[in-house]
N, C-alpha and C. Protein backbone atom coordinates (compact mmCIF):
# COMPACT_ATOMS: atom_id res chain seq x y z
N MET A 1 21.15 63.39 13.38
CA MET A 1 20.32 63.17 12.18
C MET A 1 19.39 64.31 11.47
N SER A 2 19.86 64.28 10.24
CA SER A 2 19.17 65.24 9.39
C SER A 2 18.01 66.23 9.75
N SER A 3 16.58 65.20 10.04
CA SER A 3 15.47 65.87 9.72
C SER A 3 15.44 66.43 11.33
N GLY A 4 16.47 66.12 12.30
CA GLY A 4 15.87 66.36 13.61
C GLY A 4 15.06 65.98 14.53
N LYS A 5 14.88 64.65 14.31
CA LYS A 5 13.71 63.98 14.83
C LYS A 5 14.93 62.98 16.09
N VAL A 6 13.95 62.81 17.28
CA VAL A 6 14.57 61.94 18.77
C VAL A 6 14.04 61.69 18.98
N ILE A 7 14.88 60.23 19.51
CA ILE A 7 13.58 58.81 19.95
C ILE A 7 14.01 58.73 21.13
N ASP A 8 13.42 59.34 21.69
CA ASP A 8 13.08 59.80 23.26
C ASP A 8 12.98 58.54 24.14
N PHE A 9 13.96 58.05 24.58
CA PHE A 9 13.43 56.55 25.30
C PHE A 9 12.51 56.76 26.54
N ASN A 10 12.56 57.90 27.22
CA ASN A 10 11.74 57.93 28.50
C ASN A 10 10.07 57.87 28.07
N ARG A 11 10.10 58.12 26.73
CA ARG A 11 8.35 58.11 26.04
C ARG A 11 8.32 56.58 25.36
N ALA A 12 9.43 56.37 24.54
CA ALA A 12 9.27 55.50 23.73
C ALA A 12 8.25 55.46 22.72
N PRO A 13 7.64 56.17 22.15
CA PRO A 13 6.38 55.44 21.33
C PRO A 13 6.74 55.39 20.03
N GLU A 14 7.85 55.21 19.34
CA GLU A 14 8.79 54.63 18.33
C GLU A 14 9.01 53.15 18.99
N LEU A 15 9.35 53.18 19.73
CA LEU A 15 9.43 51.32 20.50
C LEU A 15 8.23 51.05 20.43
N ASP A 16 6.95 51.21 21.31
CA ASP A 16 5.35 51.15 20.69
C ASP A 16 5.12 51.09 19.48
N LYS A 17 5.49 51.60 18.69
CA LYS A 17 4.53 51.63 17.36
C LYS A 17 5.34 50.70 16.92
N LEU A 18 6.64 50.38 17.02
CA LEU A 18 7.63 49.20 16.54
C LEU A 18 6.86 47.55 17.11
N LEU A 19 6.39 47.97 18.02
CA LEU A 19 5.99 46.73 18.70
C LEU A 19 4.90 46.19 18.13
N GLN A 20 3.71 47.10 18.27
CA GLN A 20 2.62 47.07 17.44
C GLN A 20 2.19 46.64 16.14
N SER A 21 3.88 47.12 15.08
CA SER A 21 3.70 46.78 13.53
C SER A 21 4.01 45.74 13.61
N VAL A 22 5.09 45.05 14.31
CA VAL A 22 5.82 43.86 13.73
C VAL A 22 5.47 42.95 14.99
N GLY A 23 5.64 43.25 15.98
CA GLY A 23 4.51 42.22 16.98
C GLY A 23 5.55 42.08 17.48
N GLU A 24 5.64 41.88 19.15
CA GLU A 24 6.46 41.39 19.93
C GLU A 24 7.47 39.66 19.38
N LYS A 25 6.66 38.79 19.47
CA LYS A 25 7.42 37.26 18.85
C LYS A 25 8.17 38.15 17.85
N GLU A 26 7.91 38.49 16.86
CA GLU A 26 8.41 38.68 15.51
C GLU A 26 9.66 39.42 15.94
N CYS A 27 9.43 40.75 16.81
CA CYS A 27 10.76 41.41 17.23
C CYS A 27 11.90 40.51 18.30
N LEU A 28 11.26 39.75 18.83
CA LEU A 28 12.08 39.28 19.54
C LEU A 28 13.16 38.17 19.07
N ARG A 29 12.32 37.20 17.56
CA ARG A 29 12.85 36.66 16.88
C ARG A 29 14.22 36.84 16.04
N VAL A 30 13.69 38.08 15.83
CA VAL A 30 15.23 38.57 14.41
C VAL A 30 16.08 39.34 15.13
N GLY A 31 15.76 39.94 16.71
CA GLY A 31 16.89 40.43 17.50
C GLY A 31 16.56 41.71 18.01
N LEU A 32 15.54 42.52 17.17
CA LEU A 32 15.14 44.18 17.23
C LEU A 32 14.99 44.30 19.08
N PHE A 33 14.82 43.16 19.94
CA PHE A 33 14.02 43.19 21.44
C PHE A 33 15.18 42.09 22.16
N ILE A 34 15.42 42.10 22.97
CA ILE A 34 15.95 41.22 24.15
C ILE A 34 15.01 41.00 25.46
N VAL A 35 15.30 40.48 26.20
CA VAL A 35 14.43 40.18 27.19
C VAL A 35 15.15 40.00 28.38
N ASP A 36 15.18 41.27 29.37
CA ASP A 36 16.26 41.26 30.22
C ASP A 36 16.34 40.22 30.92
N GLU A 37 17.40 40.33 32.72
CA GLU A 37 16.70 39.85 33.26
C GLU A 37 16.30 39.64 34.22
N SER A 38 15.23 41.28 34.34
CA SER A 38 14.31 41.32 35.00
C SER A 38 13.24 40.95 34.71
N GLY A 39 13.03 40.63 32.95
CA GLY A 39 11.94 40.50 32.47
C GLY A 39 11.01 41.37 31.68
N ARG A 40 12.16 42.42 31.65
CA ARG A 40 11.19 43.57 30.88
C ARG A 40 12.50 43.61 29.04
N LEU A 41 11.19 43.86 28.01
CA LEU A 41 12.16 44.02 26.56
C LEU A 41 13.06 45.58 26.74
N GLN A 42 13.94 45.17 25.82
CA GLN A 42 15.33 46.00 26.27
C GLN A 42 15.66 46.01 24.78
N LEU A 43 15.33 47.34 23.72
CA LEU A 43 16.01 47.33 22.76
C LEU A 43 17.09 46.85 22.15
N THR A 44 17.62 46.21 21.37
CA THR A 44 18.75 45.47 21.11
C THR A 44 20.00 46.61 20.34
N ASN A 45 21.16 46.67 19.91
CA ASN A 45 21.66 47.33 18.99
C ASN A 45 21.21 47.37 17.27
N VAL A 46 20.96 46.38 16.94
CA VAL A 46 20.71 45.84 15.96
C VAL A 46 19.09 46.61 15.90
N GLY A 47 18.13 46.22 17.03
CA GLY A 47 16.64 47.28 17.29
C GLY A 47 16.84 49.16 17.25
N PHE A 48 17.96 49.13 17.78
CA PHE A 48 18.38 50.65 17.54
C PHE A 48 18.99 51.30 15.44
N ALA A 49 19.63 50.75 15.28
CA ALA A 49 20.13 50.77 14.03
C ALA A 49 18.66 50.59 13.13
N TYR A 50 17.85 49.58 13.33
CA TYR A 50 16.36 49.44 12.68
C TYR A 50 15.98 50.75 12.83
N LEU A 51 15.77 51.35 14.20
CA LEU A 51 14.84 52.54 14.31
C LEU A 51 15.25 53.79 13.36
N LEU A 52 16.56 54.00 13.55
CA LEU A 52 17.43 55.12 13.30
C LEU A 52 16.97 54.65 11.63
N TYR A 53 17.31 53.46 10.99
CA TYR A 53 16.82 53.54 9.50
C TYR A 53 15.57 53.87 9.00
N MET A 54 14.36 53.79 9.78
CA MET A 54 13.09 54.01 9.52
C MET A 54 12.58 55.27 9.70
N ALA A 55 13.61 56.28 11.46
CA ALA A 55 13.00 57.61 10.65
C ALA A 55 13.56 58.25 9.75
N GLU A 56 14.88 57.54 9.80
CA GLU A 56 15.53 58.11 8.20
C GLU A 56 15.86 57.85 7.22
N ALA A 57 14.80 57.01 6.26
CA ALA A 57 14.19 56.52 5.55
C ALA A 57 15.08 57.42 3.79
N GLN A 58 14.70 58.64 4.50
CA GLN A 58 15.06 59.27 3.11
C GLN A 58 16.41 59.61 3.04
N THR A 59 17.44 59.60 4.17
CA THR A 59 18.53 60.26 4.29
C THR A 59 19.63 59.10 4.39
N LEU A 60 18.95 58.30 5.13
CA LEU A 60 20.39 56.80 6.27
C LEU A 60 20.15 56.12 5.05
N SER A 61 21.14 55.86 4.47
CA SER A 61 20.81 53.92 3.75
C SER A 61 21.11 52.81 4.80
N LEU A 62 20.37 52.23 4.55
CA LEU A 62 20.46 50.26 5.42
C LEU A 62 22.10 50.51 6.22
N ALA A 63 22.55 50.69 5.01
CA ALA A 63 24.27 50.06 5.52
C ALA A 63 24.53 51.21 6.71
N GLU A 64 24.42 52.47 6.59
CA GLU A 64 24.60 53.85 7.74
C GLU A 64 23.87 53.64 9.00
N ALA A 65 22.68 53.16 8.26
CA ALA A 65 22.30 52.88 9.69
C ALA A 65 22.75 52.10 10.63
N PHE A 66 22.86 50.38 10.20
CA PHE A 66 23.66 49.37 10.69
C PHE A 66 25.05 49.80 11.19
N ALA A 67 25.78 50.38 10.81
CA ALA A 67 26.95 51.10 11.33
C ALA A 67 26.62 52.10 12.33
N ALA A 68 25.52 53.08 12.19
CA ALA A 68 25.05 53.62 13.35
C ALA A 68 24.73 52.73 14.54
N GLY A 69 23.98 51.71 14.75
CA GLY A 69 23.76 50.46 15.65
C GLY A 69 25.50 49.76 15.62
N TYR A 70 25.77 49.78 15.43
CA TYR A 70 27.19 48.45 16.01
C TYR A 70 28.39 50.17 16.42
N ASP A 71 27.93 52.03 16.07
CA ASP A 71 29.02 52.64 16.91
C ASP A 71 28.68 52.69 18.11
N HIS A 72 27.10 52.93 18.08
CA HIS A 72 26.17 52.69 19.37
C HIS A 72 26.69 51.76 20.42
N ALA A 73 26.89 50.64 20.15
CA ALA A 73 27.04 49.62 20.57
C ALA A 73 28.59 49.63 21.32
N SER A 74 29.55 49.75 20.25
CA SER A 74 30.72 50.30 21.29
C SER A 74 31.03 51.28 21.61
N GLU A 75 30.22 52.01 22.00
CA GLU A 75 30.30 53.42 23.06
C GLU A 75 29.92 52.68 24.21
N LEU A 76 29.21 51.67 24.35
CA LEU A 76 28.15 51.03 25.72
C LEU A 76 29.48 50.30 26.53
């Protein structure tokens, strides 16, 4: 990313901020998070792309953000 911003999944303040601003129910409804088999919230590829877009809104187009999310999913 050009701005040097990184999503730290160990601390995850970006995830907390997303959950607080959008709401857990809405995040689940639109597919930004899922509940895994152990009952924990897990960020989806769509959610990852959304966070990339929000973090890089000045330099990353929406299409580029979702492409990055797709690329991330294909690497898993």
